[in-house]
Amino acid sequence: MSSGVAGLLPDRAGQVALHSTWDGSLGPWDGPAVATLWAAAALLAGAWSPHRRDV
């Protein structure tokens, strides 16, 4: 797995949760946490978008 910014992308972070070993910068609980943050950001952007368009 890659380290740096590429390791914080949702696909790489999700892979950490699925594999029993990891070799990137994320630990066993960091991967799911990063994936959760990406999901929360997407939900917030989706909730904000209609409010922005209706103004």
PDB file of N, CA and C in Angstrom:
ATOM      1  N   MET A   1       0.823  -1.165   0.000  1.00  0.00           N
ATOM      2  CA  MET A   1       0.000   0.000   0.000  1.00  0.00           C
ATOM      3  C   MET A   1       0.871   1.233   0.000  1.00  0.00           C
ATOM      4  N   SER A   2       0.365   2.306  -0.554  1.00  0.00           N
ATOM      5  CA  SER A   2       1.158   3.523  -0.628  1.00  0.00           C
ATOM      6  C   SER A   2       1.000   4.347   0.646  1.00  0.00           C
ATOM      7  N   SER A   3       1.949   5.204   0.862  1.00  0.00           N
ATOM      8  CA  SER A   3       1.867   6.083   2.022  1.00  0.00           C
ATOM      9  C   SER A   3       1.662   7.511   1.526  1.00  0.00           C
ATOM     10  N   GLY A   4       1.476   8.411   2.434  1.00  0.00           N
ATOM     11  CA  GLY A   4       1.262   9.800   2.067  1.00  0.00           C
ATOM     12  C   GLY A   4      -0.207  10.086   1.806  1.00  0.00           C
ATOM     13  N   VAL A   5      -0.437  11.034   0.919  1.00  0.00           N
ATOM     14  CA  VAL A   5      -1.801  11.468   0.639  1.00  0.00           C
ATOM     15  C   VAL A   5      -2.628  10.348   0.002  1.00  0.00           C
ATOM     16  N   ALA A   6      -2.028   9.537  -0.835  1.00  0.00           N
ATOM     17  CA  ALA A   6      -2.758   8.459  -1.498  1.00  0.00           C
ATOM     18  C   ALA A   6      -3.295   7.455  -0.485  1.00  0.00           C
ATOM     19  N   GLY A   7      -2.647   7.307   0.644  1.00  0.00           N
ATOM     20  CA  GLY A   7      -3.130   6.401   1.672  1.00  0.00           C
ATOM     21  C   GLY A   7      -4.377   6.896   2.378  1.00  0.00           C
ATOM     22  N   LEU A   8      -4.705   8.175   2.201  1.00  0.00           N
ATOM     23  CA  LEU A   8      -5.891   8.747   2.845  1.00  0.00           C
ATOM     24  C   LEU A   8      -7.102   8.796   1.925  1.00  0.00           C
ATOM     25  N   LEU A   9      -6.974   8.262   0.723  1.00  0.00           N
ATOM     26  CA  LEU A   9      -8.121   8.176  -0.172  1.00  0.00           C
ATOM     27  C   LEU A   9      -9.047   7.066   0.307  1.00  0.00           C
ATOM     28  N   PRO A  10     -10.347   7.177   0.019  1.00  0.00           N
ATOM     29  CA  PRO A  10     -11.291   6.208   0.589  1.00  0.00           C
ATOM     30  C   PRO A  10     -11.041   4.753   0.187  1.00  0.00           C
ATOM     31  N   ASP A  11     -10.609   4.513  -1.044  1.00  0.00           N
ATOM     32  CA  ASP A  11     -10.387   3.124  -1.444  1.00  0.00           C
ATOM     33  C   ASP A  11      -9.212   2.510  -0.694  1.00  0.00           C
ATOM     34  N   ARG A  12      -8.147   3.255  -0.514  1.00  0.00           N
ATOM     35  CA  ARG A  12      -6.972   2.737   0.216  1.00  0.00           C
ATOM     36  C   ARG A  12      -7.292   2.578   1.698  1.00  0.00           C
ATOM     37  N   ALA A  13      -8.011   3.544   2.266  1.00  0.00           N
ATOM     38  CA  ALA A  13      -8.355   3.465   3.685  1.00  0.00           C
ATOM     39  C   ALA A  13      -9.287   2.293   3.953  1.00  0.00           C
ATOM     40  N   GLY A  14     -10.212   2.018   3.047  1.00  0.00           N
ATOM     41  CA  GLY A  14     -11.119   0.892   3.221  1.00  0.00           C
ATOM     42  C   GLY A  14     -10.416  -0.447   3.114  1.00  0.00           C
ATOM     43  N   GLN A  15      -9.368  -0.513   2.307  1.00  0.00           N
ATOM     44  CA  GLN A  15      -8.624  -1.765   2.174  1.00  0.00           C
ATOM     45  C   GLN A  15      -7.945  -2.159   3.475  1.00  0.00           C
ATOM     46  N   VAL A  16      -7.570  -1.185   4.282  1.00  0.00           N
ATOM     47  CA  VAL A  16      -6.914  -1.481   5.557  1.00  0.00           C
ATOM     48  C   VAL A  16      -7.854  -2.291   6.448  1.00  0.00           C
ATOM     49  N   ALA A  17      -9.147  -1.978   6.413  1.00  0.00           N
ATOM     50  CA  ALA A  17     -10.110  -2.692   7.242  1.00  0.00           C
ATOM     51  C   ALA A  17     -10.350  -4.112   6.741  1.00  0.00           C
ATOM     52  N   LEU A  18     -10.115  -4.356   5.462  1.00  0.00           N
ATOM     53  CA  LEU A  18     -10.422  -5.657   4.881  1.00  0.00           C
ATOM     54  C   LEU A  18      -9.272  -6.655   4.934  1.00  0.00           C
ATOM     55  N   HIS A  19      -8.057  -6.195   5.146  1.00  0.00           N
ATOM     56  CA  HIS A  19      -6.895  -7.073   5.146  1.00  0.00           C
ATOM     57  C   HIS A  19      -6.379  -7.276   6.564  1.00  0.00           C
ATOM     58  N   SER A  20      -5.849  -8.438   6.822  1.00  0.00           N
ATOM     59  CA  SER A  20      -5.346  -8.729   8.165  1.00  0.00           C
ATOM     60  C   SER A  20      -3.973  -8.117   8.406  1.00  0.00           C
ATOM     61  N   THR A  21      -3.254  -7.786   7.350  1.00  0.00           N
ATOM     62  CA  THR A  21      -1.963  -7.110   7.489  1.00  0.00           C
ATOM     63  C   THR A  21      -2.018  -5.798   6.724  1.00  0.00           C
ATOM     64  N   TRP A  22      -1.230  -4.851   7.137  1.00  0.00           N
ATOM     65  CA  TRP A  22      -1.190  -3.565   6.466  1.00  0.00           C
ATOM     66  C   TRP A  22       0.244  -3.075   6.469  1.00  0.00           C
ATOM     67  N   ASP A  23       0.595  -2.347   5.440  1.00  0.00           N
ATOM     68  CA  ASP A  23       1.962  -1.850   5.346  1.00  0.00           C
ATOM     69  C   ASP A  23       2.006  -0.366   5.026  1.00  0.00           C
ATOM     70  N   GLY A  24       0.884   0.300   5.094  1.00  0.00           N
ATOM     71  CA  GLY A  24       0.832   1.728   4.814  1.00  0.00           C
ATOM     72  C   GLY A  24       0.979   2.547   6.087  1.00  0.00           C
ATOM     73  N   SER A  25       0.632   3.802   5.994  1.00  0.00           N
ATOM     74  CA  SER A  25       0.752   4.694   7.137  1.00  0.00           C
ATOM     75  C   SER A  25      -0.437   4.580   8.081  1.00  0.00           C
ATOM     76  N   LEU A  26      -1.495   3.904   7.662  1.00  0.00           N
ATOM     77  CA  LEU A  26      -2.682   3.762   8.495  1.00  0.00           C
ATOM     78  C   LEU A  26      -2.642   2.462   9.286  1.00  0.00           C
ATOM     79  N   GLY A  27      -3.084   2.531  10.514  1.00  0.00           N
ATOM     80  CA  GLY A  27      -3.163   1.344  11.351  1.00  0.00           C
ATOM     81  C   GLY A  27      -4.502   0.648  11.186  1.00  0.00           C
ATOM     82  N   PRO A  28      -4.764  -0.372  11.995  1.00  0.00           N
ATOM     83  CA  PRO A  28      -5.985  -1.149  11.826  1.00  0.00           C
ATOM     84  C   PRO A  28      -7.263  -0.355  12.104  1.00  0.00           C
ATOM     85  N   TRP A  29      -7.220   0.642  12.954  1.00  0.00           N
ATOM     86  CA  TRP A  29      -8.414   1.447  13.239  1.00  0.00           C
ATOM     87  C   TRP A  29      -8.405   2.763  12.479  1.00  0.00           C
ATOM     88  N   ASP A  30      -7.277   3.153  11.956  1.00  0.00           N
ATOM     89  CA  ASP A  30      -7.193   4.405  11.209  1.00  0.00           C
ATOM     90  C   ASP A  30      -7.880   4.301   9.852  1.00  0.00           C
ATOM     91  N   GLY A  31      -7.790   3.157   9.210  1.00  0.00           N
ATOM     92  CA  GLY A  31      -8.418   2.976   7.900  1.00  0.00           C
ATOM     93  C   GLY A  31      -9.919   3.165   7.948  1.00  0.00           C
ATOM     94  N   PRO A  32     -10.624   2.459   8.834  1.00  0.00           N
ATOM     95  CA  PRO A  32     -12.074   2.679   8.932  1.00  0.00           C
ATOM     96  C   PRO A  32     -12.428   4.104   9.370  1.00  0.00           C
ATOM     97  N   ALA A  33     -11.599   4.718  10.193  1.00  0.00           N
ATOM     98  CA  ALA A  33     -11.865   6.091  10.617  1.00  0.00           C
ATOM     99  C   ALA A  33     -11.771   7.047   9.429  1.00  0.00           C
ATOM    100  N   VAL A  34     -10.769   6.864   8.579  1.00  0.00           N
ATOM    101  CA  VAL A  34     -10.628   7.709   7.392  1.00  0.00           C
ATOM    102  C   VAL A  34     -11.790   7.474   6.432  1.00  0.00           C
ATOM    103  N   ALA A  35     -12.188   6.230   6.251  1.00  0.00           N
ATOM    104  CA  ALA A  35     -13.321   5.925   5.384  1.00  0.00           C
ATOM    105  C   ALA A  35     -14.606   6.556   5.932  1.00  0.00           C
ATOM    106  N   THR A  36     -14.772   6.559   7.238  1.00  0.00           N
ATOM    107  CA  THR A  36     -15.934   7.181   7.865  1.00  0.00           C
ATOM    108  C   THR A  36     -15.913   8.692   7.664  1.00  0.00           C
ATOM    109  N   LEU A  37     -14.750   9.304   7.763  1.00  0.00           N
ATOM    110  CA  LEU A  37     -14.641  10.750   7.530  1.00  0.00           C
ATOM    111  C   LEU A  37     -14.993  11.113   6.084  1.00  0.00           C
ATOM    112  N   TRP A  38     -14.566  10.288   5.129  1.00  0.00           N
ATOM    113  CA  TRP A  38     -14.935  10.535   3.730  1.00  0.00           C
ATOM    114  C   TRP A  38     -16.445  10.423   3.544  1.00  0.00           C
ATOM    115  N   ALA A  39     -17.059   9.430   4.175  1.00  0.00           N
ATOM    116  CA  ALA A  39     -18.514   9.258   4.065  1.00  0.00           C
ATOM    117  C   ALA A  39     -19.241  10.444   4.700  1.00  0.00           C
ATOM    118  N   ALA A  40     -18.770  10.905   5.849  1.00  0.00           N
ATOM    119  CA  ALA A  40     -19.386  12.055   6.507  1.00  0.00           C
ATOM    120  C   ALA A  40     -19.245  13.307   5.642  1.00  0.00           C
ATOM    121  N   ALA A  41     -18.090  13.486   5.026  1.00  0.00           N
ATOM    122  CA  ALA A  41     -17.886  14.644   4.150  1.00  0.00           C
ATOM    123  C   ALA A  41     -18.832  14.592   2.954  1.00  0.00           C
ATOM    124  N   ALA A  42     -19.038  13.409   2.393  1.00  0.00           N
ATOM    125  CA  ALA A  42     -19.947  13.271   1.258  1.00  0.00           C
ATOM    126  C   ALA A  42     -21.386  13.561   1.677  1.00  0.00           C
ATOM    127  N   LEU A  43     -21.791  13.090   2.853  1.00  0.00           N
ATOM    128  CA  LEU A  43     -23.143  13.362   3.341  1.00  0.00           C
ATOM    129  C   LEU A  43     -23.347  14.844   3.616  1.00  0.00           C
ATOM    130  N   LEU A  44     -22.354  15.488   4.207  1.00  0.00           N
ATOM    131  CA  LEU A  44     -22.459  16.926   4.470  1.00  0.00           C
ATOM    132  C   LEU A  44     -22.525  17.725   3.169  1.00  0.00           C
ATOM    133  N   ALA A  45     -21.729  17.348   2.194  1.00  0.00           N
ATOM    134  CA  ALA A  45     -21.763  18.035   0.903  1.00  0.00           C
ATOM    135  C   ALA A  45     -23.119  17.838   0.223  1.00  0.00           C
ATOM    136  N   GLY A  46     -23.675  16.646   0.342  1.00  0.00           N
ATOM    137  CA  GLY A  46     -24.989  16.382  -0.236  1.00  0.00           C
ATOM    138  C   GLY A  46     -26.103  17.146   0.463  1.00  0.00           C
ATOM    139  N   ALA A  47     -25.996  17.323   1.759  1.00  0.00           N
ATOM    140  CA  ALA A  47     -27.007  18.085   2.504  1.00  0.00           C
ATOM    141  C   ALA A  47     -26.862  19.585   2.240  1.00  0.00           C
ATOM    142  N   TRP A  48     -25.661  20.061   2.030  1.00  0.00           N
ATOM    143  CA  TRP A  48     -25.412  21.478   1.815  1.00  0.00           C
ATOM    144  C   TRP A  48     -25.785  21.918   0.405  1.00  0.00           C
ATOM    145  N   SER A  49     -25.683  21.030  -0.549  1.00  0.00           N
ATOM    146  CA  SER A  49     -25.889  21.377  -1.941  1.00  0.00           C
ATOM    147  C   SER A  49     -27.293  21.923  -2.237  1.00  0.00           C
ATOM    148  N   PRO A  50     -28.380  21.305  -1.778  1.00  0.00           N
ATOM    149  CA  PRO A  50     -29.701  21.883  -2.053  1.00  0.00           C
ATOM    150  C   PRO A  50     -29.898  23.251  -1.392  1.00  0.00           C
ATOM    151  N   HIS A  51     -29.329  23.433  -0.229  1.00  0.00           N
ATOM    152  CA  HIS A  51     -29.451  24.724   0.443  1.00  0.00           C
ATOM    153  C   HIS A  51     -28.747  25.811  -0.356  1.00  0.00           C
ATOM    154  N   ARG A  52     -27.647  25.474  -0.971  1.00  0.00           N
ATOM    155  CA  ARG A  52     -26.897  26.431  -1.771  1.00  0.00           C
ATOM    156  C   ARG A  52     -27.654  26.785  -3.050  1.00  0.00           C
ATOM    157  N   ARG A  53     -28.311  25.805  -3.635  1.00  0.00           N
ATOM    158  CA  ARG A  53     -29.037  26.032  -4.901  1.00  0.00           C
ATOM    159  C   ARG A  53     -30.337  26.789  -4.684  1.00  0.00           C
ATOM    160  N   ASP A  54     -30.983  26.620  -3.522  1.00  0.00           N
ATOM    161  CA  ASP A  54     -32.278  27.237  -3.283  1.00  0.00           C
ATOM    162  C   ASP A  54     -32.184  28.700  -2.932  1.00  0.00           C
ATOM    163  N   VAL A  55     -30.998  29.190  -2.631  1.00  0.00           N
ATOM    164  CA  VAL A  55     -30.856  30.593  -2.217  1.00  0.00           C
ATOM    165  C   VAL A  55     -30.878  31.507  -3.393  1.00  0.00           C
TER     166      VAL A  55
END
